Protein backbone atom coordinates (compact mmCIF):
# COMPACT_ATOMS: atom_id res chain seq x y z
CA UNK A 1 -8.55 -10.99 15.15
CA UNK A 2 -5.79 -12.41 12.97
CA UNK A 3 -2.42 -11.46 14.42
CA UNK A 4 -0.79 -8.75 12.31
CA UNK A 5 2.96 -8.45 11.83
CA UNK A 6 2.73 -4.69 12.37
CA UNK A 7 1.47 -5.11 15.96
CA UNK A 8 4.82 -4.94 17.84
CA UNK A 9 5.87 -1.79 15.99
CA UNK A 10 2.48 -0.16 16.47
CA UNK A 11 2.53 -0.81 20.23
CA UNK A 12 6.10 0.46 20.44
CA UNK A 13 5.48 3.83 18.78
CA UNK A 14 2.25 4.32 20.76
CA UNK A 15 4.44 4.50 23.88
CA UNK A 16 6.88 6.94 22.28
CA UNK A 17 4.67 9.43 20.41
CA UNK A 18 1.61 11.43 21.48
CA UNK A 19 -0.01 10.68 18.10
CA UNK A 20 0.21 7.59 15.92
CA UNK A 21 -1.01 7.74 12.33
CA UNK A 22 -1.92 4.46 10.64
CA UNK A 23 -2.51 4.59 6.89
CA UNK A 24 -3.22 1.97 4.28
CA UNK A 25 -5.77 0.97 1.65
CA UNK A 26 -9.43 0.55 2.38
CA UNK A 27 -10.27 -2.74 4.10
CA UNK A 28 -6.66 -3.55 4.97
CA UNK A 29 -7.72 -4.02 8.61
CA UNK A 30 -6.75 -0.66 10.15
CA UNK A 31 -9.90 -0.19 12.23
CA UNK A 32 -9.92 -3.80 13.41
CA UNK A 33 -6.29 -3.62 14.48
CA UNK A 34 -6.39 -0.34 16.40
CA UNK A 35 -9.64 -1.21 18.15
CA UNK A 36 -8.16 -4.54 19.25
CA UNK A 37 -4.89 -3.04 20.48
CA UNK A 38 -6.28 0.16 22.00
CA UNK A 39 -9.65 -1.01 23.27
CA UNK A 40 -9.45 1.37 26.24
CA UNK A 41 -9.57 4.41 23.94
CA UNK A 42 -12.82 5.93 22.66
CA UNK A 43 -13.46 5.05 19.01
CA UNK A 44 -14.76 7.77 16.67
CA UNK A 45 -15.60 7.10 13.01
CA UNK A 46 -15.41 10.38 11.12
CA UNK A 47 -17.21 8.95 8.09
CA UNK A 48 -20.40 9.07 10.17
CA UNK A 49 -22.17 12.20 8.81
CA UNK A 50 -23.43 13.43 12.20
CA UNK A 51 -20.08 13.02 13.92
CA UNK A 52 -18.22 14.57 11.00
CA UNK A 53 -20.54 17.60 10.99
CA UNK A 54 -19.90 18.19 14.68
CA UNK A 55 -16.14 17.88 14.21
CA UNK A 56 -16.23 20.28 11.25
CA UNK A 57 -18.41 22.97 12.82
CA UNK A 58 -16.94 22.92 16.33
CA UNK A 59 -13.57 21.12 16.31
CA UNK A 60 -12.50 22.53 19.67
CA UNK A 61 -15.72 21.47 21.37
CA UNK A 62 -15.58 18.09 19.62
CA UNK A 63 -12.05 17.35 20.86
CA UNK A 64 -12.98 18.46 24.36
CA UNK A 65 -14.88 15.17 24.61
CA UNK A 66 -11.58 13.29 24.21
CA UNK A 67 -9.02 14.98 26.46
CA UNK A 68 -6.98 11.83 27.10
CA UNK A 69 -6.56 10.04 23.80
CA UNK A 70 -8.92 8.50 21.26
CA UNK A 71 -9.06 6.63 17.97
CA UNK A 72 -10.12 8.88 15.09
CA UNK A 73 -10.93 6.70 12.08
CA UNK A 74 -10.77 8.18 8.54
CA UNK A 75 -9.47 11.39 10.08
CA UNK A 76 -8.62 12.95 6.71
CA UNK A 77 -12.34 13.65 6.31
CA UNK A 78 -11.98 16.51 8.84
CA UNK A 79 -8.59 18.14 8.13
CA UNK A 80 -9.19 21.01 10.59
CA UNK A 81 -8.78 18.57 13.47
CA UNK A 82 -5.05 18.33 12.88
CA UNK A 83 -4.35 21.91 13.98
CA UNK A 84 -6.42 21.52 17.12
CA UNK A 85 -4.77 18.19 17.93
CA UNK A 86 -1.43 19.93 17.70
CA UNK A 87 -2.49 22.30 20.45
CA UNK A 88 -3.67 19.47 22.70
CA UNK A 89 -0.51 17.38 22.41
CA UNK A 90 1.73 20.43 22.84
CA UNK A 91 0.10 21.08 26.21
CA UNK A 92 1.14 17.58 27.23
CA UNK A 93 -1.77 16.98 29.60
CA UNK A 94 -2.90 13.66 28.12
CA UNK A 95 -1.46 10.31 29.20
CA UNK A 96 -2.75 8.12 26.36
CA UNK A 97 -2.08 8.48 22.64
CA UNK A 98 -4.31 9.70 19.86
CA UNK A 99 -4.56 7.09 17.10
CA UNK A 100 -5.38 8.45 13.64
CA UNK A 101 -6.29 6.19 10.73
CA UNK A 102 -6.97 6.97 7.11
CA UNK A 103 -7.02 5.40 3.67
CA UNK A 104 -6.00 8.45 1.65
CA UNK A 105 -2.28 8.90 2.12
CA UNK A 106 -2.02 12.10 0.06
CA UNK A 107 -4.52 14.02 2.19
CA UNK A 108 -3.17 12.61 5.45
CA UNK A 109 0.47 13.37 4.77
CA UNK A 110 -0.37 16.86 3.52
CA UNK A 111 -2.00 17.70 6.85
CA UNK A 112 0.68 15.96 8.90
CA UNK A 113 3.41 17.89 7.11
CA UNK A 114 1.67 21.17 7.88
CA UNK A 115 0.72 20.64 11.51
CA UNK A 116 1.91 17.39 13.12
CA UNK A 117 5.47 16.95 11.87
CA UNK A 118 7.58 15.58 14.70
CA UNK A 119 4.52 14.82 16.83
CA UNK A 120 3.32 11.65 15.15
CA UNK A 121 4.71 8.32 14.04
CA UNK A 122 3.38 7.20 10.66
CA UNK A 123 2.92 3.50 9.91
CA UNK A 124 1.35 1.65 6.98
CA UNK A 125 -0.93 -1.36 7.24
CA UNK A 126 -1.16 -3.21 3.95
CA UNK A 127 -3.16 -6.33 3.02
CA UNK A 128 -1.99 -9.63 4.51
CA UNK A 129 1.46 -10.96 3.67
CA UNK A 130 2.15 -14.68 3.39
CA UNK A 131 2.69 -15.17 7.13
CA UNK A 132 -0.60 -13.45 7.98
CA UNK A 133 -2.48 -15.38 5.29
CA UNK A 134 -1.15 -18.61 6.80
CA UNK A 135 -2.43 -17.61 10.25
CA UNK A 136 -5.86 -16.72 8.87
CA UNK A 137 -6.15 -19.84 6.74
CA UNK A 138 -3.89 -22.68 7.95
CA UNK A 139 -5.05 -24.90 5.06
CA UNK A 140 -2.30 -24.81 2.41
CA UNK A 141 -3.32 -22.97 -0.72
CA UNK A 142 -1.98 -23.46 -4.22
CA UNK A 143 0.17 -20.74 -5.70
CA UNK A 144 -2.62 -19.79 -8.09
CA UNK A 145 -5.09 -19.49 -5.19
CA UNK A 146 -2.68 -17.22 -3.31
CA UNK A 147 -2.35 -14.98 -6.35
CA UNK A 148 -6.07 -14.70 -7.16
CA UNK A 149 -7.17 -14.25 -3.53
CA UNK A 150 -4.61 -11.60 -2.64
CA UNK A 151 -4.41 -10.49 0.96
CA UNK A 152 -7.42 -8.37 1.91
CA UNK A 153 -8.37 -9.54 5.44
CA UNK A 154 -12.15 -9.54 4.98
CA UNK A 155 -11.99 -11.65 1.83
CA UNK A 156 -9.75 -14.25 3.50
CA UNK A 157 -11.32 -14.26 6.97
CA UNK A 158 -14.86 -14.64 5.62
CA UNK A 159 -13.81 -16.76 2.65
CA UNK A 160 -15.51 -14.47 0.14
CA UNK A 161 -15.19 -15.40 -3.52
CA UNK A 162 -12.72 -12.94 -5.14
CA UNK A 163 -15.14 -12.69 -8.09
CA UNK A 164 -17.65 -11.14 -5.65
CA UNK A 165 -15.27 -9.12 -3.48
CA UNK A 166 -13.10 -7.21 -5.92
CA UNK A 167 -15.68 -5.76 -8.35
CA UNK A 168 -17.47 -4.18 -5.39
CA UNK A 169 -14.14 -3.01 -3.95
CA UNK A 170 -13.15 -1.40 -7.26
CA UNK A 171 -16.51 0.32 -7.62
CA UNK A 172 -16.32 1.71 -4.08
CA UNK A 173 -12.76 2.90 -4.71
CA UNK A 174 -13.76 4.70 -7.91
CA UNK A 175 -16.88 6.28 -6.40
CA UNK A 176 -15.28 7.48 -3.16
CA UNK A 177 -11.50 7.79 -3.17
CA UNK A 178 -10.84 8.76 -6.79
CA UNK A 179 -13.36 11.60 -6.82
CA UNK A 180 -12.07 12.90 -3.48
CA UNK A 181 -8.37 12.84 -4.31
CA UNK A 182 -8.25 14.63 -7.65
CA UNK A 183 -11.82 15.46 -8.53
CA UNK A 184 -11.69 13.07 -11.50
CA UNK A 185 -15.02 13.24 -13.29
CA UNK A 186 -14.54 10.69 -16.07
CA UNK A 187 -14.57 7.53 -13.96
CA UNK A 188 -14.94 5.26 -16.99
CA UNK A 189 -11.66 6.57 -18.43
CA UNK A 190 -9.96 6.19 -15.08
CA UNK A 191 -11.33 2.66 -14.75
CA UNK A 192 -9.88 1.83 -18.17
CA UNK A 193 -6.57 3.34 -17.09
CA UNK A 194 -6.59 1.22 -13.92
CA UNK A 195 -7.09 -1.94 -15.98
CA UNK A 196 -4.29 -1.00 -18.38
CA UNK A 197 -1.99 -0.58 -15.39
CA UNK A 198 -2.95 -4.07 -14.20
CA UNK A 199 -1.75 -5.42 -17.55
CA UNK A 200 1.67 -3.89 -16.94
CA UNK A 201 2.54 -5.23 -13.48
CA UNK A 202 6.20 -6.12 -12.93
CA UNK A 203 7.13 -4.28 -16.14
CA UNK A 204 9.05 -1.10 -16.82
CA UNK A 205 6.81 1.94 -16.69
CA UNK A 206 6.39 3.52 -20.12
CA UNK A 207 4.38 6.70 -19.69
CA UNK A 208 4.01 7.42 -23.40
CA UNK A 209 2.76 3.93 -24.24
CA UNK A 210 0.30 4.03 -21.35
CA UNK A 211 -0.96 7.44 -22.47
CA UNK A 212 -1.42 6.26 -26.07
CA UNK A 213 -3.26 3.09 -25.07
CA UNK A 214 -5.60 5.00 -22.79
CA UNK A 215 -6.08 7.98 -25.12
CA UNK A 216 -4.96 10.58 -22.56
CA UNK A 217 -2.02 12.98 -22.19
CA UNK A 218 1.25 11.95 -20.52
CA UNK A 219 0.70 14.56 -17.80
CA UNK A 220 -2.68 12.97 -17.09
CA UNK A 221 -0.98 9.59 -16.78
CA UNK A 222 1.42 11.06 -14.21
CA UNK A 223 -1.45 12.63 -12.29
CA UNK A 224 -3.53 9.45 -12.27
CA UNK A 225 -0.56 7.33 -11.24
CA UNK A 226 -0.12 9.65 -8.27
CA UNK A 227 -3.77 8.95 -7.38
CA UNK A 228 -3.18 5.20 -7.51
CA UNK A 229 -0.05 5.57 -5.42
CA UNK A 230 -1.65 7.85 -2.84
CA UNK A 231 -4.59 5.50 -2.36
CA UNK A 232 -2.38 2.42 -1.92
CA UNK A 233 -3.20 0.68 -5.16
CA UNK A 234 0.25 0.75 -6.79
CA UNK A 235 3.86 1.31 -5.84
CA UNK A 236 7.04 1.62 -7.86
CA UNK A 237 10.31 -0.27 -7.71
CA UNK A 238 13.19 2.01 -8.63
CA UNK A 239 16.24 0.84 -10.60
CA UNK A 240 19.49 0.47 -8.70
CA UNK A 241 21.81 3.30 -9.76
CA UNK A 242 25.22 2.22 -8.52
CA UNK A 243 27.86 2.56 -11.22
CA UNK A 244 28.01 -1.17 -11.96
CA UNK A 245 27.10 -0.39 -15.53
CA UNK A 246 26.30 2.97 -17.05
CA UNK A 247 23.89 1.49 -19.59
CA UNK A 248 21.18 0.67 -17.09
CA UNK A 249 17.45 1.21 -17.40
CA UNK A 250 16.25 4.32 -15.60
CA UNK A 251 12.47 3.76 -15.58
CA UNK A 252 10.82 2.25 -12.48
CA UNK A 253 8.77 -0.94 -12.49
CA UNK A 254 5.06 -0.85 -11.68
CA UNK A 255 3.57 -3.11 -8.99
CA UNK A 256 0.22 -3.45 -7.26
CA UNK A 257 -0.01 -3.94 -3.50
CA UNK A 258 -2.45 -6.82 -4.03
CA UNK A 259 -2.46 -9.46 -6.76
CA UNK A 260 -6.11 -10.33 -6.15
CA UNK A 261 -7.02 -6.83 -7.29
CA UNK A 262 -4.81 -7.25 -10.36
CA UNK A 263 -6.50 -10.53 -11.29
CA UNK A 264 -9.94 -8.98 -11.00
CA UNK A 265 -8.93 -6.06 -13.22
CA UNK A 266 -7.59 -8.54 -15.78
CA UNK A 267 -10.85 -10.51 -15.77
CA UNK A 268 -9.43 -13.61 -14.06
CA UNK A 269 -12.26 -15.04 -11.98
CA UNK A 270 -10.90 -18.49 -11.06
CA UNK A 271 -7.56 -19.73 -9.81
CA UNK A 272 -7.22 -22.40 -12.49
CA UNK A 273 -7.23 -19.73 -15.20
CA UNK A 274 -3.92 -18.38 -13.90
CA UNK A 275 -2.04 -21.62 -14.66
CA UNK A 276 -1.96 -20.98 -18.41
CA UNK A 277 -2.33 -17.19 -18.36
CA UNK A 278 0.34 -15.41 -20.37
CA UNK A 279 1.09 -13.05 -17.45
CA UNK A 280 1.50 -15.75 -14.81
CA UNK A 281 5.20 -14.97 -14.34
CA UNK A 282 4.49 -11.26 -13.88
CA UNK A 283 1.68 -11.99 -11.42
CA UNK A 284 3.98 -14.19 -9.37
CA UNK A 285 6.72 -11.57 -9.45
CA UNK A 286 4.21 -8.97 -8.25
CA UNK A 287 3.14 -11.31 -5.45
CA UNK A 288 6.73 -11.86 -4.26
CA UNK A 289 7.81 -8.20 -4.51
CA UNK A 290 4.71 -7.01 -2.64
CA UNK A 291 5.30 -9.65 0.05
CA UNK A 292 8.88 -8.41 0.51
CA UNK A 293 7.61 -4.82 0.53
CA UNK A 294 5.18 -5.68 3.35
CA UNK A 295 7.99 -7.35 5.31
CA UNK A 296 9.63 -3.95 5.74
CA UNK A 297 6.52 -1.78 6.17
CA UNK A 298 5.37 -4.14 8.94
CA UNK A 299 8.56 -3.19 10.77
CA UNK A 300 7.99 0.53 10.27
CA UNK A 301 10.76 0.77 7.67
CA UNK A 302 10.96 2.26 4.21
CA UNK A 303 11.45 -0.80 1.98
CA UNK A 304 15.04 -0.68 0.64
CA UNK A 305 14.09 -2.43 -2.59
CA UNK A 306 15.36 -2.01 -6.14
CA UNK A 307 15.80 -3.92 -9.37
CA UNK A 308 18.67 -3.92 -11.83
CA UNK A 309 18.45 -4.16 -15.61
CA UNK A 310 20.77 -3.06 -18.37
CA UNK A 311 19.84 -2.19 -21.93
CA UNK A 312 20.85 -5.61 -23.23
CA UNK A 313 18.15 -7.30 -21.13
CA UNK A 314 20.33 -8.68 -18.34
CA UNK A 315 18.60 -8.15 -15.03
CA UNK A 316 18.12 -9.04 -11.38
CA UNK A 317 14.44 -8.96 -10.43
CA UNK A 318 14.88 -7.71 -6.86
CA UNK A 319 17.73 -6.17 -4.88
CA UNK A 320 17.34 -5.74 -1.12
CA UNK A 321 19.75 -3.25 0.41
CA UNK A 322 20.63 -4.66 3.83
CA UNK A 323 22.78 -1.96 5.43
CA UNK A 324 24.83 -1.48 2.30
CA UNK A 325 25.04 -5.17 1.38
CA UNK A 326 22.89 -6.16 -1.57
CA UNK A 327 20.74 -9.27 -1.42
CA UNK A 328 19.98 -10.23 -5.06
CA UNK A 329 16.83 -12.25 -5.77
CA UNK A 330 15.54 -13.73 -9.00
CA UNK A 331 11.83 -14.61 -9.12
CA UNK A 332 10.53 -17.63 -11.06
CA UNK A 333 6.96 -18.92 -11.04
CA UNK A 334 7.92 -22.48 -11.95
CA UNK A 335 7.65 -25.21 -9.33
CA UNK A 336 10.49 -27.35 -10.68
CA UNK A 337 14.11 -26.86 -9.64
CA UNK A 338 15.91 -25.72 -12.79
CA UNK A 339 19.56 -24.71 -12.94
CA UNK A 340 18.90 -22.09 -15.63
CA UNK A 341 17.00 -20.05 -13.02
CA UNK A 342 20.45 -18.86 -11.93
CA UNK A 343 21.63 -17.78 -15.40
CA UNK A 344 21.11 -14.07 -14.67
CA UNK A 345 23.54 -14.33 -11.76
CA UNK A 346 26.42 -15.28 -14.06
CA UNK A 347 26.90 -11.74 -15.35
CA UNK A 348 25.72 -10.07 -12.13
CA UNK A 349 28.26 -11.91 -9.98
CA UNK A 350 31.06 -11.09 -12.41
CA UNK A 351 30.01 -7.45 -12.51
CA UNK A 352 29.64 -6.93 -8.76
CA UNK A 353 31.80 -9.56 -7.09
CA UNK A 354 28.74 -11.24 -5.62
CA UNK A 355 29.08 -14.94 -4.82
CA UNK A 356 26.75 -17.96 -5.23
CA UNK A 357 26.22 -18.20 -1.48
CA UNK A 358 24.47 -14.79 -1.76
CA UNK A 359 22.44 -15.65 -4.88
CA UNK A 360 18.77 -16.55 -4.36
CA UNK A 361 15.88 -17.67 -6.54
CA UNK A 362 12.40 -17.39 -5.02
CA UNK A 363 10.32 -19.88 -6.95
CA UNK A 364 6.90 -21.52 -6.96
CA UNK A 365 8.03 -24.83 -5.45
CA UNK A 366 8.02 -25.87 -1.81
CA UNK A 367 11.60 -26.99 -1.05
CA UNK A 368 14.61 -24.93 -0.06
CA UNK A 369 17.85 -26.20 -1.55
CA UNK A 370 21.38 -24.80 -1.70
CA UNK A 371 23.45 -25.57 -4.80
CA UNK A 372 26.80 -24.53 -6.20
CA UNK A 373 25.08 -21.76 -8.19
CA UNK A 374 22.83 -20.41 -5.42
CA UNK A 375 19.84 -21.18 -3.21
CA UNK A 376 16.25 -22.00 -4.16
CA UNK A 377 13.82 -20.36 -1.72
CA UNK A 378 10.09 -21.22 -1.49
CA UNK A 379 7.64 -18.40 -0.81
CA UNK A 380 7.05 -19.69 2.73
CA UNK A 381 10.68 -18.89 3.59
CA UNK A 382 10.88 -15.33 2.22
CA UNK A 383 10.62 -13.85 5.72
CA UNK A 384 13.43 -16.06 7.03
CA UNK A 385 15.63 -15.05 4.11
CA UNK A 386 15.09 -11.35 4.77
CA UNK A 387 15.69 -11.73 8.51
CA UNK A 388 18.85 -13.82 8.14
């Protein structure tokens, strides 16, 4: 198994809580991770029809087979189990934890809020970040290869062609998760909506424009975005609202958890096609922001991430709130060191009192260099920057 950055946090909370809930998108490696770390616990896959039927018809008798901890995979398929698990853990007679995994965050959190609040730690396992990709595939990859491959463990570990992996992944997602979450019947319209979202990564979310382009109502857009968010396809970066400037943008930016999925939705089947693609900068920004997002979720934290943009177009791509101190980051896909990459910091530093020694550009090159205007940071050093 490829070592996952979430492992230390997962082992820690398993000693502190009677129940640990691990969520994340399909094929992000949840089952592999928990079975490797908790191999002494019985493993139960609740997507198995026979096992699920038993758990649904006789939950008390089903759980009696696991009085001292177990791994229940895709547990949201049998929501009645949560109430019965509450009774077991409240009795306090077990010595090992119950590990719950699921790929549908909306259904999981709804049940946890009703029955297991305070009894379970909730962690998210997302596709590989850069550090995990490097462990799985020590051979250096080009920036375009990183973007088109994304971070799904099975694709990387088995070296599956993204052109084969993602269409099947998308079809499975539409057939299983989408129907379950909101009962969406028109999968072709939802598929079109998903592809339109892919064309808007790293951009301000405009609900009306998205509704018009897809031919649906704004309320439907909101509902379908909640589906994508709940099933770990997209997340949103909120604007920073400190009173640095009252004329700031108030809409969030849209990002995907995985750039390989974005590329597939956009019809990009080879890495070399990204080099001249008109959205290359947005794809790279999505890759960097999602990598930073994973840095915090792998530590069991809510990512303290924002962006800043005023109505004149001045912006900072990414703001990391480190205990009240903002870490501003500009993101540039170019591989050449260019001084104009720091131009956005000129106004920002004047506005906020920030200094060049706290001004960073994450770029597509491989060298880290500090200058009088700020520091160039390669993608391999993002983790070090965030930990410093």
